């Protein structure tokens, strides 16, 4: 078995950033839309 922990760690960090980055972007635009509706 040839296991590289650095490759697995980088893959895990990348997946974490993709998932939570997407969540952050979705939340940001959702909040921006809600705030924009309140100001009208």
PDB file of N, CA and C in Angstrom:
ATOM      1  N   UNK A   1       0.847  -1.192   0.000  1.00  0.00           N
ATOM      2  CA  UNK A   1       0.000   0.000   0.000  1.00  0.00           C
ATOM      3  C   UNK A   1       0.885   1.246   0.000  1.00  0.00           C
ATOM      4  N   UNK A   2       0.626   2.097  -0.938  1.00  0.00           N
ATOM      5  CA  UNK A   2       1.405   3.321  -1.069  1.00  0.00           C
ATOM      6  C   UNK A   2       0.472   4.500  -0.757  1.00  0.00           C
ATOM      7  N   UNK A   3       0.431   4.899   0.500  1.00  0.00           N
ATOM      8  CA  UNK A   3      -0.480   5.955   0.947  1.00  0.00           C
ATOM      9  C   UNK A   3       0.323   7.232   1.182  1.00  0.00           C
ATOM     10  N   UNK A   4      -0.121   8.316   0.549  1.00  0.00           N
ATOM     11  CA  UNK A   4       0.516   9.613   0.735  1.00  0.00           C
ATOM     12  C   UNK A   4      -0.425  10.492   1.543  1.00  0.00           C
ATOM     13  N   UNK A   5      -0.050  10.766   2.780  1.00  0.00           N
ATOM     14  CA  UNK A   5      -0.937  11.542   3.648  1.00  0.00           C
ATOM     15  C   UNK A   5      -1.033  12.989   3.177  1.00  0.00           C
ATOM     16  N   UNK A   6       0.015  13.508   2.567  1.00  0.00           N
ATOM     17  CA  UNK A   6      -0.034  14.901   2.109  1.00  0.00           C
ATOM     18  C   UNK A   6      -1.049  15.063   0.980  1.00  0.00           C
ATOM     19  N   UNK A   7      -1.135  14.087   0.081  1.00  0.00           N
ATOM     20  CA  UNK A   7      -2.119  14.147  -0.998  1.00  0.00           C
ATOM     21  C   UNK A   7      -3.528  14.086  -0.435  1.00  0.00           C
ATOM     22  N   UNK A   8      -3.752  13.194   0.514  1.00  0.00           N
ATOM     23  CA  UNK A   8      -5.073  13.076   1.130  1.00  0.00           C
ATOM     24  C   UNK A   8      -5.436  14.336   1.910  1.00  0.00           C
ATOM     25  N   UNK A   9      -4.470  14.915   2.598  1.00  0.00           N
ATOM     26  CA  UNK A   9      -4.728  16.138   3.367  1.00  0.00           C
ATOM     27  C   UNK A   9      -5.065  17.295   2.431  1.00  0.00           C
ATOM     28  N   UNK A  10      -4.336  17.442   1.352  1.00  0.00           N
ATOM     29  CA  UNK A  10      -4.623  18.507   0.388  1.00  0.00           C
ATOM     30  C   UNK A  10      -5.981  18.315  -0.266  1.00  0.00           C
ATOM     31  N   UNK A  11      -6.333  17.075  -0.576  1.00  0.00           N
ATOM     32  CA  UNK A  11      -7.646  16.789  -1.150  1.00  0.00           C
ATOM     33  C   UNK A  11      -8.754  17.149  -0.162  1.00  0.00           C
ATOM     34  N   UNK A  12      -8.551  16.818   1.110  1.00  0.00           N
ATOM     35  CA  UNK A  12      -9.543  17.130   2.138  1.00  0.00           C
ATOM     36  C   UNK A  12      -9.702  18.634   2.300  1.00  0.00           C
ATOM     37  N   UNK A  13      -8.605  19.359   2.327  1.00  0.00           N
ATOM     38  CA  UNK A  13      -8.659  20.823   2.447  1.00  0.00           C
ATOM     39  C   UNK A  13      -9.353  21.427   1.229  1.00  0.00           C
ATOM     40  N   UNK A  14      -9.050  20.930   0.049  1.00  0.00           N
ATOM     41  CA  UNK A  14      -9.679  21.442  -1.169  1.00  0.00           C
ATOM     42  C   UNK A  14     -11.183  21.199  -1.147  1.00  0.00           C
ATOM     43  N   UNK A  15     -11.609  20.015  -0.747  1.00  0.00           N
ATOM     44  CA  UNK A  15     -13.039  19.718  -0.671  1.00  0.00           C
ATOM     45  C   UNK A  15     -13.723  20.591   0.374  1.00  0.00           C
ATOM     46  N   UNK A  16     -13.063  20.806   1.501  1.00  0.00           N
ATOM     47  CA  UNK A  16     -13.599  21.674   2.550  1.00  0.00           C
ATOM     48  C   UNK A  16     -13.801  23.087   2.015  1.00  0.00           C
ATOM     49  N   UNK A  17     -12.807  23.616   1.310  1.00  0.00           N
ATOM     50  CA  UNK A  17     -12.909  24.967   0.758  1.00  0.00           C
ATOM     51  C   UNK A  17     -14.004  25.058  -0.303  1.00  0.00           C
ATOM     52  N   UNK A  18     -14.160  24.039  -1.121  1.00  0.00           N
ATOM     53  CA  UNK A  18     -15.201  24.051  -2.148  1.00  0.00           C
ATOM     54  C   UNK A  18     -16.583  24.043  -1.500  1.00  0.00           C
ATOM     55  N   UNK A  19     -16.799  23.161  -0.531  1.00  0.00           N
ATOM     56  CA  UNK A  19     -18.111  23.039   0.103  1.00  0.00           C
ATOM     57  C   UNK A  19     -18.452  24.295   0.891  1.00  0.00           C
ATOM     58  N   UNK A  20     -17.570  24.716   1.781  1.00  0.00           N
ATOM     59  CA  UNK A  20     -17.871  25.872   2.608  1.00  0.00           C
ATOM     60  C   UNK A  20     -17.736  27.184   1.848  1.00  0.00           C
ATOM     61  N   UNK A  21     -16.906  27.224   0.827  1.00  0.00           N
ATOM     62  CA  UNK A  21     -16.838  28.398  -0.030  1.00  0.00           C
ATOM     63  C   UNK A  21     -18.133  28.590  -0.794  1.00  0.00           C
ATOM     64  N   UNK A  22     -18.678  27.492  -1.310  1.00  0.00           N
ATOM     65  CA  UNK A  22     -19.973  27.553  -1.990  1.00  0.00           C
ATOM     66  C   UNK A  22     -21.079  27.971  -1.044  1.00  0.00           C
ATOM     67  N   UNK A  23     -21.048  27.455   0.171  1.00  0.00           N
ATOM     68  CA  UNK A  23     -22.042  27.835   1.181  1.00  0.00           C
ATOM     69  C   UNK A  23     -21.930  29.320   1.500  1.00  0.00           C
ATOM     70  N   UNK A  24     -20.718  29.813   1.647  1.00  0.00           N
ATOM     71  CA  UNK A  24     -20.494  31.234   1.937  1.00  0.00           C
ATOM     72  C   UNK A  24     -21.024  32.107   0.806  1.00  0.00           C
ATOM     73  N   UNK A  25     -20.718  31.753  -0.428  1.00  0.00           N
ATOM     74  CA  UNK A  25     -21.163  32.542  -1.575  1.00  0.00           C
ATOM     75  C   UNK A  25     -22.690  32.543  -1.659  1.00  0.00           C
ATOM     76  N   UNK A  26     -23.310  31.374  -1.477  1.00  0.00           N
ATOM     77  CA  UNK A  26     -24.774  31.293  -1.522  1.00  0.00           C
ATOM     78  C   UNK A  26     -25.391  32.131  -0.408  1.00  0.00           C
ATOM     79  N   UNK A  27     -24.833  32.065   0.789  1.00  0.00           N
ATOM     80  CA  UNK A  27     -25.348  32.841   1.913  1.00  0.00           C
ATOM     81  C   UNK A  27     -25.151  34.328   1.679  1.00  0.00           C
ATOM     82  N   UNK A  28     -24.013  34.709   1.138  1.00  0.00           N
ATOM     83  CA  UNK A  28     -23.723  36.120   0.877  1.00  0.00           C
ATOM     84  C   UNK A  28     -24.753  36.716  -0.086  1.00  0.00           C
ATOM     85  N   UNK A  29     -24.983  36.026  -1.211  1.00  0.00           N
ATOM     86  CA  UNK A  29     -25.927  36.561  -2.190  1.00  0.00           C
ATOM     87  C   UNK A  29     -27.359  36.522  -1.679  1.00  0.00           C
ATOM     88  N   UNK A  30     -27.692  35.519  -0.887  1.00  0.00           N
ATOM     89  CA  UNK A  30     -29.028  35.450  -0.306  1.00  0.00           C
ATOM     90  C   UNK A  30     -29.258  36.612   0.654  1.00  0.00           C
ATOM     91  N   UNK A  31     -28.292  36.879   1.509  1.00  0.00           N
ATOM     92  CA  UNK A  31     -28.413  37.994   2.459  1.00  0.00           C
ATOM     93  C   UNK A  31     -28.433  39.331   1.726  1.00  0.00           C
ATOM     94  N   UNK A  32     -27.619  39.452   0.701  1.00  0.00           N
ATOM     95  CA  UNK A  32     -27.584  40.685  -0.074  1.00  0.00           C
ATOM     96  C   UNK A  32     -28.939  40.949  -0.731  1.00  0.00           C
ATOM     97  N   UNK A  33     -29.580  39.892  -1.238  1.00  0.00           N
ATOM     98  CA  UNK A  33     -30.889  40.035  -1.852  1.00  0.00           C
ATOM     99  C   UNK A  33     -31.943  40.430  -0.812  1.00  0.00           C
ATOM    100  N   UNK A  34     -31.894  39.817   0.369  1.00  0.00           N
ATOM    101  CA  UNK A  34     -32.857  40.133   1.433  1.00  0.00           C
ATOM    102  C   UNK A  34     -32.688  41.575   1.890  1.00  0.00           C
ATOM    103  N   UNK A  35     -31.452  42.010   2.070  1.00  0.00           N
ATOM    104  CA  UNK A  35     -31.200  43.390   2.497  1.00  0.00           C
ATOM    105  C   UNK A  35     -31.647  44.354   1.415  1.00  0.00           C
ATOM    106  N   UNK A  36     -31.418  44.016   0.159  1.00  0.00           N
ATOM    107  CA  UNK A  36     -31.837  44.873  -0.953  1.00  0.00           C
ATOM    108  C   UNK A  36     -33.342  45.014  -1.009  1.00  0.00           C
ATOM    109  N   UNK A  37     -34.085  43.957  -0.697  1.00  0.00           N
ATOM    110  CA  UNK A  37     -35.548  44.027  -0.713  1.00  0.00           C
ATOM    111  C   UNK A  37     -36.067  44.901   0.422  1.00  0.00           C
ATOM    112  N   UNK A  38     -35.380  44.890   1.574  1.00  0.00           N
ATOM    113  CA  UNK A  38     -35.822  45.683   2.720  1.00  0.00           C
ATOM    114  C   UNK A  38     -35.628  47.174   2.491  1.00  0.00           C
ATOM    115  N   UNK A  39     -34.697  47.560   1.653  1.00  0.00           N
ATOM    116  CA  UNK A  39     -34.405  48.972   1.449  1.00  0.00           C
ATOM    117  C   UNK A  39     -35.359  49.613   0.447  1.00  0.00           C
ATOM    118  N   UNK A  40     -36.164  48.829  -0.239  1.00  0.00           N
ATOM    119  CA  UNK A  40     -37.082  49.388  -1.223  1.00  0.00           C
ATOM    120  C   UNK A  40     -38.348  49.887  -0.593  1.00  0.00           C
TER     121      UNK A  40
END
